[in-house]
């Protein structure tokens, strides 16, 4: 039986573009987990965060569920709404 790592390596060997897609999906998943954790650690509901950000609860749900094309300004507002800080780190590639 193949491990997940072996399966991933085989897929990427066949279709190299999948590596970037997998990395992007993983980054989105990690971001959504971090957003939910920050909110829950602050003891806030999605509705409370939405009110502080002047957006709908559905928008917060979407942001925490599958954050796509999120602007840095939105992440800054979210961090402020939950009493946290936003730190941006970047990995530059040539």
N, C-alpha and C. Protein backbone atom coordinates (compact mmCIF):
# COMPACT_ATOMS: atom_id res chain seq x y z
N UNK A 1 0.84 -1.17 0.00
CA UNK A 1 0.00 0.00 0.00
C UNK A 1 0.89 1.25 0.00
N UNK A 2 0.56 2.21 -0.83
CA UNK A 2 1.33 3.45 -0.93
C UNK A 2 0.98 4.40 0.22
N UNK A 3 1.99 5.13 0.66
CA UNK A 3 1.72 6.18 1.63
C UNK A 3 1.25 7.41 0.86
N UNK A 4 0.69 8.36 1.59
CA UNK A 4 0.25 9.60 0.97
C UNK A 4 1.42 10.33 0.33
N UNK A 5 2.56 10.30 0.97
CA UNK A 5 3.76 10.95 0.45
C UNK A 5 4.20 10.31 -0.87
N UNK A 6 4.19 9.00 -0.92
CA UNK A 6 4.56 8.30 -2.15
C UNK A 6 3.57 8.63 -3.28
N UNK A 7 2.29 8.62 -2.96
CA UNK A 7 1.26 8.93 -3.95
C UNK A 7 1.44 10.35 -4.48
N UNK A 8 1.71 11.30 -3.57
CA UNK A 8 1.92 12.69 -3.97
C UNK A 8 3.13 12.80 -4.89
N UNK A 9 4.22 12.14 -4.56
CA UNK A 9 5.44 12.19 -5.40
C UNK A 9 5.17 11.65 -6.80
N UNK A 10 4.41 10.56 -6.88
CA UNK A 10 4.09 10.00 -8.18
C UNK A 10 3.23 10.94 -9.01
N UNK A 11 2.24 11.54 -8.36
CA UNK A 11 1.37 12.49 -9.07
C UNK A 11 2.16 13.68 -9.60
N UNK A 12 3.03 14.22 -8.76
CA UNK A 12 3.83 15.39 -9.15
C UNK A 12 4.81 15.03 -10.25
N UNK A 13 5.34 13.82 -10.21
CA UNK A 13 6.26 13.38 -11.28
C UNK A 13 5.53 13.34 -12.62
N UNK A 14 4.27 12.94 -12.59
CA UNK A 14 3.47 12.86 -13.82
C UNK A 14 2.97 14.24 -14.26
N UNK A 15 2.63 15.08 -13.28
CA UNK A 15 2.06 16.40 -13.58
C UNK A 15 2.67 17.43 -12.62
N UNK A 16 3.82 18.01 -12.99
CA UNK A 16 4.55 18.93 -12.11
C UNK A 16 3.72 20.13 -11.63
N UNK A 17 2.75 20.58 -12.40
CA UNK A 17 1.94 21.74 -12.00
C UNK A 17 1.12 21.45 -10.74
N UNK A 18 0.94 20.18 -10.42
CA UNK A 18 0.18 19.83 -9.22
C UNK A 18 0.89 20.26 -7.94
N UNK A 19 2.21 20.32 -7.96
CA UNK A 19 2.96 20.68 -6.75
C UNK A 19 2.55 22.07 -6.27
N UNK A 20 2.48 23.03 -7.18
CA UNK A 20 2.08 24.39 -6.80
C UNK A 20 0.63 24.41 -6.35
N UNK A 21 -0.23 23.67 -7.02
CA UNK A 21 -1.64 23.63 -6.62
C UNK A 21 -1.80 23.06 -5.22
N UNK A 22 -1.07 22.01 -4.93
CA UNK A 22 -1.13 21.39 -3.60
C UNK A 22 -0.61 22.36 -2.55
N UNK A 23 0.48 23.05 -2.85
CA UNK A 23 1.05 24.01 -1.90
C UNK A 23 0.07 25.15 -1.63
N UNK A 24 -0.60 25.63 -2.67
CA UNK A 24 -1.58 26.70 -2.49
C UNK A 24 -2.76 26.24 -1.65
N UNK A 25 -3.26 25.05 -1.92
CA UNK A 25 -4.38 24.52 -1.13
C UNK A 25 -3.99 24.34 0.33
N UNK A 26 -2.79 23.87 0.56
CA UNK A 26 -2.31 23.68 1.93
C UNK A 26 -2.19 25.02 2.64
N UNK A 27 -1.69 26.03 1.96
CA UNK A 27 -1.56 27.36 2.56
C UNK A 27 -2.94 27.93 2.91
N UNK A 28 -3.93 27.75 2.04
CA UNK A 28 -5.29 28.22 2.33
C UNK A 28 -5.86 27.51 3.55
N UNK A 29 -5.63 26.20 3.63
CA UNK A 29 -6.11 25.43 4.76
C UNK A 29 -5.47 25.90 6.06
N UNK A 30 -4.17 26.13 6.03
CA UNK A 30 -3.47 26.61 7.23
C UNK A 30 -3.97 27.97 7.64
N UNK A 31 -4.23 28.86 6.68
CA UNK A 31 -4.74 30.19 6.99
C UNK A 31 -6.11 30.10 7.63
N UNK A 32 -6.99 29.29 7.06
CA UNK A 32 -8.34 29.19 7.62
C UNK A 32 -8.30 28.63 9.04
N UNK A 33 -7.43 27.66 9.29
CA UNK A 33 -7.29 27.11 10.64
C UNK A 33 -6.79 28.17 11.61
N UNK A 34 -5.83 28.96 11.18
CA UNK A 34 -5.27 30.01 12.05
C UNK A 34 -6.32 31.08 12.36
N UNK A 35 -7.12 31.45 11.37
CA UNK A 35 -8.15 32.46 11.60
C UNK A 35 -9.18 31.97 12.61
N UNK A 36 -9.67 30.75 12.42
CA UNK A 36 -10.64 30.19 13.37
C UNK A 36 -10.06 30.11 14.77
N UNK A 37 -8.81 29.66 14.88
CA UNK A 37 -8.17 29.53 16.19
C UNK A 37 -8.05 30.89 16.88
N UNK A 38 -7.63 31.91 16.14
CA UNK A 38 -7.53 33.25 16.72
C UNK A 38 -8.87 33.72 17.27
N UNK A 39 -9.92 33.51 16.47
CA UNK A 39 -11.26 33.96 16.89
C UNK A 39 -11.72 33.20 18.12
N UNK A 40 -11.57 31.88 18.09
CA UNK A 40 -12.02 31.07 19.22
C UNK A 40 -11.21 31.35 20.48
N UNK A 41 -9.91 31.54 20.32
CA UNK A 41 -9.06 31.88 21.48
C UNK A 41 -9.48 33.21 22.09
N UNK A 42 -10.00 34.11 21.26
CA UNK A 42 -10.47 35.40 21.75
C UNK A 42 -11.87 35.30 22.35
N UNK A 43 -12.50 34.13 22.22
CA UNK A 43 -13.84 33.93 22.76
C UNK A 43 -14.92 34.64 21.97
N UNK A 44 -14.69 34.82 20.68
CA UNK A 44 -15.64 35.56 19.84
C UNK A 44 -16.37 34.63 18.88
N UNK A 45 -17.59 35.02 18.55
CA UNK A 45 -18.36 34.31 17.53
C UNK A 45 -18.06 34.96 16.17
N UNK A 46 -18.43 34.26 15.11
CA UNK A 46 -18.28 34.84 13.78
C UNK A 46 -19.10 36.12 13.67
N UNK A 47 -20.27 36.13 14.28
CA UNK A 47 -21.14 37.32 14.25
C UNK A 47 -20.45 38.51 14.91
N UNK A 48 -19.81 38.28 16.05
CA UNK A 48 -19.13 39.37 16.76
C UNK A 48 -17.98 39.93 15.93
N UNK A 49 -17.22 39.06 15.29
CA UNK A 49 -16.11 39.51 14.45
C UNK A 49 -16.66 40.28 13.25
N UNK A 50 -17.73 39.78 12.66
CA UNK A 50 -18.35 40.45 11.52
C UNK A 50 -18.80 41.85 11.89
N UNK A 51 -19.39 42.00 13.05
CA UNK A 51 -19.84 43.32 13.50
C UNK A 51 -18.66 44.28 13.67
N UNK A 52 -17.58 43.78 14.24
CA UNK A 52 -16.39 44.63 14.42
C UNK A 52 -15.77 45.03 13.09
N UNK A 53 -15.88 44.14 12.09
CA UNK A 53 -15.28 44.42 10.78
C UNK A 53 -16.25 45.12 9.83
N UNK A 54 -17.52 45.23 10.24
CA UNK A 54 -18.57 45.83 9.40
C UNK A 54 -18.78 45.03 8.12
N UNK A 55 -18.84 43.70 8.29
CA UNK A 55 -19.13 42.79 7.19
C UNK A 55 -20.19 41.81 7.69
N UNK A 56 -20.61 40.90 6.83
CA UNK A 56 -21.61 39.92 7.24
C UNK A 56 -20.96 38.71 7.90
N UNK A 57 -21.77 38.00 8.68
CA UNK A 57 -21.28 36.77 9.30
C UNK A 57 -20.92 35.76 8.21
N UNK A 58 -21.69 35.75 7.13
CA UNK A 58 -21.41 34.83 6.01
C UNK A 58 -20.02 35.10 5.43
N UNK A 59 -19.61 36.36 5.38
CA UNK A 59 -18.28 36.70 4.86
C UNK A 59 -17.20 36.12 5.78
N UNK A 60 -17.40 36.24 7.09
CA UNK A 60 -16.43 35.68 8.05
C UNK A 60 -16.38 34.16 7.90
N UNK A 61 -17.53 33.54 7.72
CA UNK A 61 -17.59 32.10 7.52
C UNK A 61 -16.81 31.70 6.27
N UNK A 62 -16.98 32.45 5.21
CA UNK A 62 -16.26 32.18 3.96
C UNK A 62 -14.76 32.38 4.16
N UNK A 63 -14.40 33.45 4.86
CA UNK A 63 -13.00 33.76 5.12
C UNK A 63 -12.33 32.64 5.92
N UNK A 64 -13.04 32.15 6.92
CA UNK A 64 -12.50 31.08 7.76
C UNK A 64 -12.59 29.71 7.08
N UNK A 65 -13.48 29.57 6.12
CA UNK A 65 -13.69 28.28 5.47
C UNK A 65 -12.78 28.03 4.30
N UNK A 66 -12.69 28.98 3.39
CA UNK A 66 -11.86 28.82 2.20
C UNK A 66 -11.41 30.20 1.76
N UNK A 67 -10.39 30.72 2.42
CA UNK A 67 -9.93 32.07 2.09
C UNK A 67 -9.19 32.10 0.76
N UNK A 68 -9.82 32.71 -0.24
CA UNK A 68 -9.20 32.81 -1.55
C UNK A 68 -9.08 34.28 -1.93
N UNK A 69 -7.95 34.64 -2.47
CA UNK A 69 -7.72 36.01 -2.93
C UNK A 69 -8.01 37.04 -1.83
N UNK A 70 -7.57 36.73 -0.63
CA UNK A 70 -7.79 37.61 0.50
C UNK A 70 -6.77 38.74 0.47
N UNK A 71 -7.26 39.94 0.66
CA UNK A 71 -6.36 41.09 0.70
C UNK A 71 -5.70 41.19 2.07
N UNK A 72 -4.49 41.69 2.08
CA UNK A 72 -3.77 41.86 3.34
C UNK A 72 -4.55 42.79 4.27
N UNK A 73 -5.19 43.80 3.71
CA UNK A 73 -5.97 44.73 4.54
C UNK A 73 -7.10 43.99 5.26
N UNK A 74 -7.68 42.99 4.62
CA UNK A 74 -8.74 42.19 5.26
C UNK A 74 -8.17 41.39 6.43
N UNK A 75 -7.00 40.81 6.23
CA UNK A 75 -6.37 40.06 7.31
C UNK A 75 -5.99 40.97 8.48
N UNK A 76 -5.55 42.19 8.17
CA UNK A 76 -5.25 43.16 9.23
C UNK A 76 -6.51 43.51 10.03
N UNK A 77 -7.62 43.74 9.33
CA UNK A 77 -8.90 44.05 9.99
C UNK A 77 -9.35 42.87 10.86
N UNK A 78 -9.22 41.68 10.33
CA UNK A 78 -9.61 40.48 11.08
C UNK A 78 -8.77 40.37 12.35
N UNK A 79 -7.47 40.54 12.20
CA UNK A 79 -6.57 40.44 13.36
C UNK A 79 -6.94 41.46 14.43
N UNK A 80 -7.20 42.69 14.01
CA UNK A 80 -7.61 43.72 14.97
C UNK A 80 -8.94 43.36 15.63
N UNK A 81 -9.87 42.82 14.86
CA UNK A 81 -11.20 42.48 15.39
C UNK A 81 -11.13 41.40 16.46
N UNK A 82 -10.16 40.50 16.35
CA UNK A 82 -10.03 39.43 17.34
C UNK A 82 -8.97 39.73 18.39
N UNK A 83 -8.41 40.94 18.33
CA UNK A 83 -7.42 41.34 19.31
C UNK A 83 -6.05 40.75 19.07
N UNK A 84 -5.78 40.37 17.85
CA UNK A 84 -4.48 39.77 17.52
C UNK A 84 -3.63 40.69 16.67
N UNK A 85 -2.55 40.16 16.17
CA UNK A 85 -1.66 40.89 15.30
C UNK A 85 -1.45 40.08 14.04
N UNK A 86 -1.22 40.78 12.95
CA UNK A 86 -0.94 40.11 11.69
C UNK A 86 0.51 40.34 11.36
N UNK A 87 1.24 39.23 11.13
CA UNK A 87 2.63 39.32 10.70
C UNK A 87 2.74 38.67 9.35
N UNK A 88 3.31 39.37 8.43
CA UNK A 88 3.45 38.87 7.06
C UNK A 88 4.89 38.42 6.86
N UNK A 89 5.04 37.20 6.42
CA UNK A 89 6.36 36.71 6.04
C UNK A 89 6.27 36.26 4.60
N UNK A 90 7.32 36.46 3.88
CA UNK A 90 7.31 36.13 2.47
C UNK A 90 8.55 35.33 2.12
N UNK A 91 8.35 34.40 1.23
CA UNK A 91 9.48 33.63 0.71
C UNK A 91 9.62 34.02 -0.76
N UNK A 92 10.65 34.73 -1.05
CA UNK A 92 10.89 35.17 -2.42
C UNK A 92 11.64 34.11 -3.17
N UNK A 93 11.24 33.91 -4.42
CA UNK A 93 11.90 32.94 -5.26
C UNK A 93 12.35 33.59 -6.55
N UNK A 94 13.45 33.12 -7.09
CA UNK A 94 13.96 33.67 -8.35
C UNK A 94 13.31 33.01 -9.53
